[in-house]
Amino acid sequence: MAAAAAPSVSPSPSPATAPAPKVVSPKAGDRKVVPVDAVEVELKLELEEKHVLAVDDSSVDRAVIAKILRSSKYRVTTVESATRALELLALGLLPDVNMIITDYWMPGMTGYELLKHVKESSELREIPVVIMSSENVPTRITRCLEEGAEDFLLKPVRPSDVSRLCSRIR
């Protein structure tokens, strides 16, 4: 009886020599096929979205600014006081903040005082701070800008104000 021939096994290519998967653009009506690498890139982009800390004692104003920022694709954390903002930043609970937008006049600690604390901190000083106020007081605006505020916005904040800030968010 003849011996059975051993099956022929082709070695699989090693990961280093394997050809890259071909990505084909879908045609109209085709189902969208997304390679795993594209999904990973999209997830990384979502994780890299800019994070803004919005500080205002008015829940209505916090909601308005958060809505505008989120519609512009920013991740937003809102807090009700400058004191709370500093606590969260100092504890490292908000390590990835790219900008702080704060109301000027709040009980306890003003937005101006928050600005000064941020600019005096070696860990926080690089975070741009934008001050908002419903009061158009030129001396107040000048003082905030001289202390290092990135900008001073008059309330109500509009989407065009946010668009103007986009290039300044680090």
N, C-alpha and C. Protein backbone atom coordinates (compact mmCIF):
# COMPACT_ATOMS: atom_id res chain seq x y z
N MET A 1 0.82 -1.15 0.00
CA MET A 1 0.00 0.00 0.00
C MET A 1 0.88 1.24 0.00
N ALA A 2 0.51 2.18 -0.81
CA ALA A 2 1.34 3.37 -0.93
C ALA A 2 1.08 4.29 0.26
N ALA A 3 2.13 4.90 0.71
CA ALA A 3 2.00 5.83 1.83
C ALA A 3 1.27 7.08 1.36
N ALA A 4 0.39 7.55 2.22
CA ALA A 4 -0.36 8.76 1.88
C ALA A 4 0.57 9.95 1.94
N ALA A 5 0.45 10.78 0.94
CA ALA A 5 1.31 11.97 0.90
C ALA A 5 0.85 12.96 1.96
N ALA A 6 1.81 13.51 2.63
CA ALA A 6 1.49 14.51 3.65
C ALA A 6 0.91 15.74 2.97
N PRO A 7 -0.10 16.30 3.58
CA PRO A 7 -0.68 17.48 2.96
C PRO A 7 0.34 18.61 2.88
N SER A 8 0.26 19.37 1.82
CA SER A 8 1.18 20.48 1.62
C SER A 8 0.66 21.70 2.39
N VAL A 9 1.50 22.25 3.23
CA VAL A 9 1.12 23.41 4.02
C VAL A 9 2.00 24.57 3.61
N SER A 10 1.37 25.63 3.15
CA SER A 10 2.14 26.82 2.78
C SER A 10 2.32 27.67 4.03
N PRO A 11 3.55 28.09 4.26
CA PRO A 11 3.74 28.93 5.45
C PRO A 11 2.99 30.24 5.28
N SER A 12 2.36 30.68 6.36
CA SER A 12 1.65 31.96 6.29
C SER A 12 2.68 33.07 6.39
N PRO A 13 2.42 34.15 5.71
CA PRO A 13 3.40 35.24 5.74
C PRO A 13 3.50 35.81 7.15
N SER A 14 4.71 36.20 7.52
CA SER A 14 4.90 36.80 8.84
C SER A 14 4.28 38.19 8.81
N PRO A 15 3.92 38.72 9.98
CA PRO A 15 3.30 40.05 10.02
C PRO A 15 4.17 41.11 9.34
N ALA A 16 5.48 40.95 9.40
CA ALA A 16 6.36 41.94 8.81
C ALA A 16 6.33 41.89 7.29
N THR A 17 6.06 40.71 6.71
CA THR A 17 6.07 40.60 5.26
C THR A 17 4.68 40.51 4.67
N ALA A 18 3.66 40.50 5.52
CA ALA A 18 2.29 40.41 5.02
C ALA A 18 1.93 41.69 4.27
N PRO A 19 1.26 41.55 3.15
CA PRO A 19 0.89 42.77 2.42
C PRO A 19 -0.16 43.56 3.20
N ALA A 20 -0.09 44.89 3.06
CA ALA A 20 -1.05 45.74 3.75
C ALA A 20 -2.43 45.52 3.16
N PRO A 21 -3.47 45.56 3.98
CA PRO A 21 -4.81 45.35 3.44
C PRO A 21 -5.16 46.48 2.48
N LYS A 22 -5.82 46.13 1.41
CA LYS A 22 -6.20 47.10 0.40
C LYS A 22 -7.51 47.75 0.83
N VAL A 23 -7.52 49.07 0.83
CA VAL A 23 -8.73 49.80 1.19
C VAL A 23 -9.37 50.26 -0.11
N VAL A 24 -10.60 49.87 -0.31
CA VAL A 24 -11.32 50.21 -1.53
C VAL A 24 -12.44 51.17 -1.16
N SER A 25 -12.54 52.26 -1.90
CA SER A 25 -13.63 53.21 -1.64
C SER A 25 -14.94 52.56 -2.04
N PRO A 26 -15.95 52.68 -1.20
CA PRO A 26 -17.24 52.08 -1.54
C PRO A 26 -17.91 52.85 -2.68
N LYS A 27 -18.70 52.13 -3.44
CA LYS A 27 -19.48 52.75 -4.52
C LYS A 27 -20.84 53.10 -3.96
N ALA A 28 -21.55 53.96 -4.68
CA ALA A 28 -22.89 54.35 -4.24
C ALA A 28 -23.74 53.09 -4.08
N GLY A 29 -24.42 52.99 -2.98
CA GLY A 29 -25.27 51.84 -2.72
C GLY A 29 -24.56 50.71 -1.98
N ASP A 30 -23.24 50.74 -1.97
CA ASP A 30 -22.49 49.70 -1.25
C ASP A 30 -22.56 49.98 0.25
N ARG A 31 -22.42 48.94 1.01
CA ARG A 31 -22.30 49.11 2.45
C ARG A 31 -20.91 49.62 2.73
N LYS A 32 -20.81 50.44 3.72
CA LYS A 32 -19.50 51.01 4.08
C LYS A 32 -18.71 49.98 4.86
N VAL A 33 -17.52 49.68 4.38
CA VAL A 33 -16.62 48.76 5.06
C VAL A 33 -15.48 49.59 5.61
N VAL A 34 -15.32 49.55 6.92
CA VAL A 34 -14.31 50.36 7.55
C VAL A 34 -13.23 49.44 8.12
N PRO A 35 -12.00 49.56 7.61
CA PRO A 35 -10.93 48.73 8.16
C PRO A 35 -10.66 49.08 9.62
N VAL A 36 -10.17 48.13 10.37
CA VAL A 36 -9.93 48.32 11.80
C VAL A 36 -9.01 49.50 12.05
N ASP A 37 -7.99 49.68 11.21
CA ASP A 37 -7.06 50.79 11.41
C ASP A 37 -7.78 52.13 11.34
N ALA A 38 -8.74 52.27 10.45
CA ALA A 38 -9.49 53.52 10.33
C ALA A 38 -10.32 53.77 11.58
N VAL A 39 -10.88 52.73 12.17
CA VAL A 39 -11.65 52.88 13.40
C VAL A 39 -10.74 53.35 14.52
N GLU A 40 -9.54 52.79 14.61
CA GLU A 40 -8.60 53.20 15.65
C GLU A 40 -8.21 54.67 15.49
N VAL A 41 -7.98 55.11 14.26
CA VAL A 41 -7.63 56.50 14.01
C VAL A 41 -8.78 57.41 14.42
N GLU A 42 -10.01 57.03 14.10
CA GLU A 42 -11.17 57.83 14.45
C GLU A 42 -11.30 57.93 15.97
N LEU A 43 -11.07 56.83 16.68
CA LEU A 43 -11.15 56.86 18.14
C LEU A 43 -10.08 57.77 18.72
N LYS A 44 -8.88 57.73 18.15
CA LYS A 44 -7.80 58.60 18.64
C LYS A 44 -8.18 60.06 18.43
N LEU A 45 -8.78 60.38 17.29
CA LEU A 45 -9.18 61.76 17.03
C LEU A 45 -10.23 62.22 18.03
N GLU A 46 -11.18 61.32 18.36
CA GLU A 46 -12.20 61.68 19.34
C GLU A 46 -11.57 61.92 20.70
N LEU A 47 -10.57 61.12 21.04
CA LEU A 47 -9.91 61.29 22.33
C LEU A 47 -9.09 62.57 22.38
N GLU A 48 -8.67 63.07 21.22
CA GLU A 48 -7.84 64.26 21.16
C GLU A 48 -8.65 65.54 21.04
N GLU A 49 -9.99 65.45 21.11
CA GLU A 49 -10.77 66.66 20.98
C GLU A 49 -10.41 67.61 22.12
N LYS A 50 -10.55 68.87 21.85
CA LYS A 50 -10.16 69.89 22.83
C LYS A 50 -11.15 69.94 23.99
N HIS A 51 -10.60 70.15 25.18
CA HIS A 51 -11.39 70.14 26.41
C HIS A 51 -11.43 71.55 27.00
N VAL A 52 -12.63 72.06 27.18
CA VAL A 52 -12.81 73.40 27.71
C VAL A 52 -13.49 73.31 29.08
N LEU A 53 -12.96 74.04 30.04
CA LEU A 53 -13.57 74.15 31.36
C LEU A 53 -14.36 75.46 31.39
N ALA A 54 -15.67 75.37 31.54
CA ALA A 54 -16.54 76.54 31.59
C ALA A 54 -16.96 76.80 33.04
N VAL A 55 -16.71 78.02 33.50
CA VAL A 55 -16.95 78.37 34.89
C VAL A 55 -17.94 79.54 34.94
N ASP A 56 -19.08 79.31 35.59
CA ASP A 56 -20.08 80.38 35.71
C ASP A 56 -21.04 80.01 36.83
N ASP A 57 -21.39 80.99 37.66
CA ASP A 57 -22.32 80.71 38.75
C ASP A 57 -23.76 80.62 38.26
N SER A 58 -24.03 81.08 37.06
CA SER A 58 -25.39 81.00 36.51
C SER A 58 -25.56 79.68 35.75
N SER A 59 -26.51 78.87 36.20
CA SER A 59 -26.73 77.58 35.52
C SER A 59 -27.20 77.80 34.09
N VAL A 60 -27.94 78.86 33.83
CA VAL A 60 -28.40 79.15 32.47
C VAL A 60 -27.20 79.49 31.58
N ASP A 61 -26.32 80.36 32.06
CA ASP A 61 -25.14 80.73 31.26
C ASP A 61 -24.21 79.54 31.05
N ARG A 62 -24.06 78.69 32.07
CA ARG A 62 -23.24 77.47 31.91
C ARG A 62 -23.83 76.59 30.82
N ALA A 63 -25.14 76.43 30.82
CA ALA A 63 -25.79 75.58 29.82
C ALA A 63 -25.63 76.16 28.42
N VAL A 64 -25.75 77.47 28.29
CA VAL A 64 -25.61 78.12 26.98
C VAL A 64 -24.20 77.95 26.44
N ILE A 65 -23.20 78.26 27.25
CA ILE A 65 -21.82 78.15 26.77
C ILE A 65 -21.46 76.70 26.47
N ALA A 66 -21.93 75.78 27.29
CA ALA A 66 -21.66 74.36 27.05
C ALA A 66 -22.28 73.91 25.73
N LYS A 67 -23.50 74.34 25.46
CA LYS A 67 -24.16 73.96 24.22
C LYS A 67 -23.41 74.49 23.00
N ILE A 68 -23.00 75.75 23.07
CA ILE A 68 -22.26 76.34 21.95
C ILE A 68 -20.94 75.60 21.74
N LEU A 69 -20.22 75.34 22.81
CA LEU A 69 -18.92 74.65 22.70
C LEU A 69 -19.09 73.23 22.18
N ARG A 70 -20.08 72.51 22.69
CA ARG A 70 -20.29 71.13 22.24
C ARG A 70 -20.72 71.09 20.79
N SER A 71 -21.51 72.06 20.34
CA SER A 71 -21.91 72.08 18.93
C SER A 71 -20.71 72.37 18.04
N SER A 72 -19.66 72.95 18.62
CA SER A 72 -18.41 73.19 17.89
C SER A 72 -17.42 72.05 18.11
N LYS A 73 -17.90 70.93 18.65
CA LYS A 73 -17.13 69.70 18.83
C LYS A 73 -16.09 69.76 19.94
N TYR A 74 -16.33 70.58 20.95
CA TYR A 74 -15.43 70.60 22.10
C TYR A 74 -16.02 69.74 23.20
N ARG A 75 -15.14 69.15 23.98
CA ARG A 75 -15.56 68.45 25.19
C ARG A 75 -15.61 69.52 26.28
N VAL A 76 -16.67 69.54 27.05
CA VAL A 76 -16.87 70.62 28.01
C VAL A 76 -17.12 70.06 29.40
N THR A 77 -16.44 70.65 30.38
CA THR A 77 -16.73 70.40 31.78
C THR A 77 -17.21 71.73 32.34
N THR A 78 -18.34 71.72 33.04
CA THR A 78 -18.85 72.95 33.62
C THR A 78 -18.78 72.87 35.14
N VAL A 79 -18.44 74.00 35.75
CA VAL A 79 -18.45 74.11 37.21
C VAL A 79 -19.08 75.45 37.59
N GLU A 80 -19.58 75.51 38.80
CA GLU A 80 -20.36 76.65 39.25
C GLU A 80 -19.56 77.75 39.93
N SER A 81 -18.27 77.53 40.16
CA SER A 81 -17.49 78.56 40.85
C SER A 81 -16.01 78.46 40.49
N ALA A 82 -15.34 79.58 40.64
CA ALA A 82 -13.90 79.63 40.39
C ALA A 82 -13.16 78.78 41.43
N THR A 83 -13.67 78.78 42.65
CA THR A 83 -13.06 77.97 43.70
C THR A 83 -13.09 76.49 43.33
N ARG A 84 -14.24 76.03 42.84
CA ARG A 84 -14.37 74.62 42.43
C ARG A 84 -13.46 74.32 41.24
N ALA A 85 -13.36 75.24 40.31
CA ALA A 85 -12.48 75.04 39.16
C ALA A 85 -11.04 74.85 39.62
N LEU A 86 -10.58 75.71 40.52
CA LEU A 86 -9.20 75.58 41.03
C LEU A 86 -9.00 74.28 41.79
N GLU A 87 -10.00 73.87 42.57
CA GLU A 87 -9.89 72.59 43.30
C GLU A 87 -9.69 71.44 42.33
N LEU A 88 -10.52 71.38 41.30
CA LEU A 88 -10.43 70.27 40.33
C LEU A 88 -9.10 70.30 39.58
N LEU A 89 -8.66 71.49 39.21
CA LEU A 89 -7.39 71.60 38.50
C LEU A 89 -6.21 71.23 39.41
N ALA A 90 -6.23 71.71 40.65
CA ALA A 90 -5.14 71.44 41.59
C ALA A 90 -5.06 69.97 41.96
N LEU A 91 -6.21 69.31 42.04
CA LEU A 91 -6.22 67.88 42.37
C LEU A 91 -5.88 67.00 41.18
N GLY A 92 -5.72 67.60 40.03
CA GLY A 92 -5.41 66.83 38.83
C GLY A 92 -6.61 66.08 38.27
N LEU A 93 -7.81 66.46 38.68
CA LEU A 93 -9.00 65.77 38.20
C LEU A 93 -9.39 66.24 36.79
N LEU A 94 -8.80 67.33 36.33
CA LEU A 94 -9.01 67.82 34.97
C LEU A 94 -7.64 68.07 34.34
N PRO A 95 -6.89 66.99 34.08
CA PRO A 95 -5.51 67.17 33.63
C PRO A 95 -5.37 67.60 32.17
N ASP A 96 -6.43 67.51 31.40
CA ASP A 96 -6.32 67.74 29.96
C ASP A 96 -7.09 68.96 29.49
N VAL A 97 -7.21 69.98 30.33
CA VAL A 97 -7.96 71.18 29.96
C VAL A 97 -7.12 72.00 28.99
N ASN A 98 -7.74 72.36 27.85
CA ASN A 98 -7.05 73.15 26.84
C ASN A 98 -7.41 74.63 26.91
N MET A 99 -8.51 74.97 27.59
CA MET A 99 -8.90 76.36 27.74
C MET A 99 -9.90 76.47 28.90
N ILE A 100 -9.86 77.62 29.57
CA ILE A 100 -10.83 77.93 30.62
C ILE A 100 -11.62 79.14 30.16
N ILE A 101 -12.94 79.03 30.19
CA ILE A 101 -13.81 80.17 29.92
C ILE A 101 -14.58 80.43 31.19
N THR A 102 -14.41 81.64 31.75
CA THR A 102 -14.99 81.94 33.05
C THR A 102 -15.74 83.26 33.06
N ASP A 103 -16.81 83.28 33.82
CA ASP A 103 -17.54 84.51 34.07
C ASP A 103 -16.63 85.41 34.91
N TYR A 104 -16.80 86.72 34.75
CA TYR A 104 -16.00 87.64 35.55
C TYR A 104 -16.53 87.75 36.97
N TRP A 105 -17.81 88.03 37.11
CA TRP A 105 -18.36 88.33 38.43
C TRP A 105 -19.08 87.13 39.01
N MET A 106 -18.47 86.49 40.01
CA MET A 106 -19.06 85.34 40.70
C MET A 106 -18.83 85.49 42.19
N PRO A 107 -19.72 84.94 43.02
CA PRO A 107 -19.51 85.02 44.46
C PRO A 107 -18.31 84.17 44.88
N GLY A 108 -17.67 84.59 45.95
CA GLY A 108 -16.53 83.84 46.48
C GLY A 108 -15.23 84.26 45.82
N MET A 109 -15.05 83.88 44.57
CA MET A 109 -13.84 84.23 43.82
C MET A 109 -14.27 84.66 42.42
N THR A 110 -13.78 85.80 41.98
CA THR A 110 -14.14 86.28 40.66
C THR A 110 -13.35 85.55 39.57
N GLY A 111 -13.81 85.71 38.35
CA GLY A 111 -13.07 85.16 37.21
C GLY A 111 -11.70 85.80 37.08
N TYR A 112 -11.61 87.07 37.45
CA TYR A 112 -10.32 87.77 37.43
C TYR A 112 -9.35 87.12 38.41
N GLU A 113 -9.84 86.79 39.60
CA GLU A 113 -8.98 86.13 40.60
C GLU A 113 -8.59 84.73 40.13
N LEU A 114 -9.51 84.02 39.48
CA LEU A 114 -9.18 82.71 38.90
C LEU A 114 -8.08 82.86 37.86
N LEU A 115 -8.21 83.85 36.99
CA LEU A 115 -7.19 84.13 35.99
C LEU A 115 -5.83 84.33 36.66
N LYS A 116 -5.77 85.15 37.69
CA LYS A 116 -4.50 85.41 38.38
C LYS A 116 -3.91 84.13 38.97
N HIS A 117 -4.74 83.29 39.60
CA HIS A 117 -4.26 82.02 40.16
C HIS A 117 -3.69 81.11 39.07
N VAL A 118 -4.40 81.03 37.95
CA VAL A 118 -3.95 80.17 36.85
C VAL A 118 -2.62 80.68 36.30
N LYS A 119 -2.50 81.96 36.08
CA LYS A 119 -1.28 82.52 35.49
C LYS A 119 -0.10 82.50 36.45
N GLU A 120 -0.37 82.43 37.76
CA GLU A 120 0.70 82.34 38.76
C GLU A 120 1.16 80.91 39.01
N SER A 121 0.42 79.93 38.49
CA SER A 121 0.73 78.52 38.72
C SER A 121 1.65 77.99 37.63
N SER A 122 2.74 77.36 38.02
CA SER A 122 3.66 76.80 37.02
C SER A 122 3.01 75.66 36.25
N GLU A 123 2.06 74.95 36.87
CA GLU A 123 1.40 73.83 36.19
C GLU A 123 0.27 74.28 35.27
N LEU A 124 -0.34 75.41 35.56
CA LEU A 124 -1.54 75.83 34.84
C LEU A 124 -1.35 77.02 33.90
N ARG A 125 -0.25 77.74 34.05
CA ARG A 125 -0.11 79.03 33.36
C ARG A 125 -0.23 78.98 31.84
N GLU A 126 0.01 77.81 31.25
CA GLU A 126 -0.09 77.70 29.78
C GLU A 126 -1.52 77.54 29.28
N ILE A 127 -2.46 77.34 30.19
CA ILE A 127 -3.86 77.18 29.78
C ILE A 127 -4.43 78.56 29.48
N PRO A 128 -4.92 78.78 28.26
CA PRO A 128 -5.54 80.08 27.96
C PRO A 128 -6.81 80.26 28.77
N VAL A 129 -7.01 81.49 29.26
CA VAL A 129 -8.19 81.82 30.04
C VAL A 129 -8.95 82.93 29.32
N VAL A 130 -10.23 82.71 29.11
CA VAL A 130 -11.11 83.70 28.49
C VAL A 130 -12.11 84.14 29.55
N ILE A 131 -12.27 85.45 29.68
CA ILE A 131 -13.21 86.01 30.65
C ILE A 131 -14.49 86.42 29.91
N MET A 132 -15.64 86.16 30.54
CA MET A 132 -16.94 86.59 29.99
C MET A 132 -17.60 87.51 31.00
N SER A 133 -18.36 88.47 30.48
CA SER A 133 -19.13 89.34 31.37
C SER A 133 -20.29 89.96 30.61
N SER A 134 -21.35 90.22 31.33
CA SER A 134 -22.49 90.91 30.72
C SER A 134 -22.29 92.42 30.82
N GLU A 135 -21.27 92.84 31.56
CA GLU A 135 -20.99 94.27 31.75
C GLU A 135 -19.80 94.69 30.90
N ASN A 136 -20.00 95.69 30.06
CA ASN A 136 -18.95 96.21 29.20
C ASN A 136 -18.24 97.35 29.93
N VAL A 137 -17.25 96.98 30.74
CA VAL A 137 -16.50 97.95 31.53
C VAL A 137 -15.06 97.97 31.00
N PRO A 138 -14.69 99.00 30.23
CA PRO A 138 -13.38 99.03 29.58
C PRO A 138 -12.20 98.83 30.53
N THR A 139 -12.24 99.42 31.72
CA THR A 139 -11.11 99.25 32.65
C THR A 139 -10.99 97.80 33.10
N ARG A 140 -12.12 97.13 33.29
CA ARG A 140 -12.12 95.71 33.68
C ARG A 140 -11.55 94.86 32.55
N ILE A 141 -11.99 95.12 31.34
CA ILE A 141 -11.51 94.37 30.17
C ILE A 141 -10.01 94.53 30.03
N THR A 142 -9.53 95.78 30.11
CA THR A 142 -8.09 96.06 29.97
C THR A 142 -7.29 95.36 31.06
N ARG A 143 -7.79 95.41 32.28
CA ARG A 143 -7.07 94.78 33.41
C ARG A 143 -6.95 93.27 33.20
N CYS A 144 -8.03 92.62 32.74
CA CYS A 144 -7.99 91.17 32.51
C CYS A 144 -7.01 90.82 31.39
N LEU A 145 -7.03 91.58 30.32
CA LEU A 145 -6.11 91.31 29.21
C LEU A 145 -4.66 91.54 29.63
N GLU A 146 -4.42 92.57 30.43
CA GLU A 146 -3.06 92.83 30.93
C GLU A 146 -2.56 91.73 31.86
N GLU A 147 -3.47 91.09 32.57
CA GLU A 147 -3.10 89.99 33.48
C GLU A 147 -2.92 88.66 32.75
N GLY A 148 -3.19 88.65 31.45
CA GLY A 148 -2.93 87.42 30.69
C GLY A 148 -4.15 86.72 30.12
N ALA A 149 -5.33 87.34 30.23
CA ALA A 149 -6.51 86.72 29.63
C ALA A 149 -6.32 86.65 28.11
N GLU A 150 -6.73 85.54 27.54
CA GLU A 150 -6.63 85.34 26.10
C GLU A 150 -7.61 86.25 25.36
N ASP A 151 -8.77 86.44 25.96
CA ASP A 151 -9.80 87.28 25.34
C ASP A 151 -10.82 87.65 26.41
N PHE A 152 -11.68 88.60 26.07
CA PHE A 152 -12.76 89.03 26.95
C PHE A 152 -14.01 89.06 26.10
N LEU A 153 -15.00 88.23 26.45
CA LEU A 153 -16.24 88.13 25.68
C LEU A 153 -17.38 88.78 26.43
N LEU A 154 -18.22 89.48 25.69
CA LEU A 154 -19.43 90.04 26.28
C LEU A 154 -20.56 89.05 26.12
N LYS A 155 -21.33 88.88 27.19
CA LYS A 155 -22.48 87.99 27.15
C LYS A 155 -23.64 88.72 26.49
N PRO A 156 -24.51 88.04 25.82
CA PRO A 156 -24.51 86.58 25.66
C PRO A 156 -23.45 86.14 24.65
N VAL A 157 -22.80 85.03 24.98
CA VAL A 157 -21.78 84.47 24.10
C VAL A 157 -22.47 83.87 22.88
N ARG A 158 -21.90 84.13 21.72
CA ARG A 158 -22.48 83.65 20.46
C ARG A 158 -21.55 82.62 19.82
N PRO A 159 -22.08 81.79 18.93
CA PRO A 159 -21.23 80.82 18.22
C PRO A 159 -20.06 81.49 17.50
N SER A 160 -20.24 82.69 16.99
CA SER A 160 -19.14 83.39 16.30
C SER A 160 -18.00 83.70 17.27
N ASP A 161 -18.34 83.94 18.55
CA ASP A 161 -17.29 84.16 19.56
C ASP A 161 -16.45 82.90 19.73
N VAL A 162 -17.12 81.76 19.77
CA VAL A 162 -16.43 80.47 19.92
C VAL A 162 -15.55 80.20 18.70
N SER A 163 -16.06 80.49 17.52
CA SER A 163 -15.28 80.29 16.30
C SER A 163 -14.00 81.11 16.34
N ARG A 164 -14.09 82.33 16.85
CA ARG A 164 -12.93 83.19 16.94
C ARG A 164 -11.87 82.63 17.91
N LEU A 165 -12.34 81.88 18.91
CA LEU A 165 -11.42 81.33 19.91
C LEU A 165 -10.75 80.04 19.46
N CYS A 166 -11.30 79.38 18.45
CA CYS A 166 -10.82 78.06 18.03
C CYS A 166 -9.31 77.99 17.86
N SER A 167 -8.73 78.97 17.21
CA SER A 167 -7.29 78.92 16.92
C SER A 167 -6.46 79.11 18.19
N ARG A 168 -7.06 79.58 19.25
CA ARG A 168 -6.31 79.83 20.49
C ARG A 168 -6.35 78.68 21.47
N ILE A 169 -7.23 77.72 21.23
CA ILE A 169 -7.32 76.59 22.14
C ILE A 169 -6.14 75.68 21.92
N ARG A 170 -5.39 75.41 22.98
CA ARG A 170 -4.15 74.61 22.84
C ARG A 170 -4.42 73.16 23.10
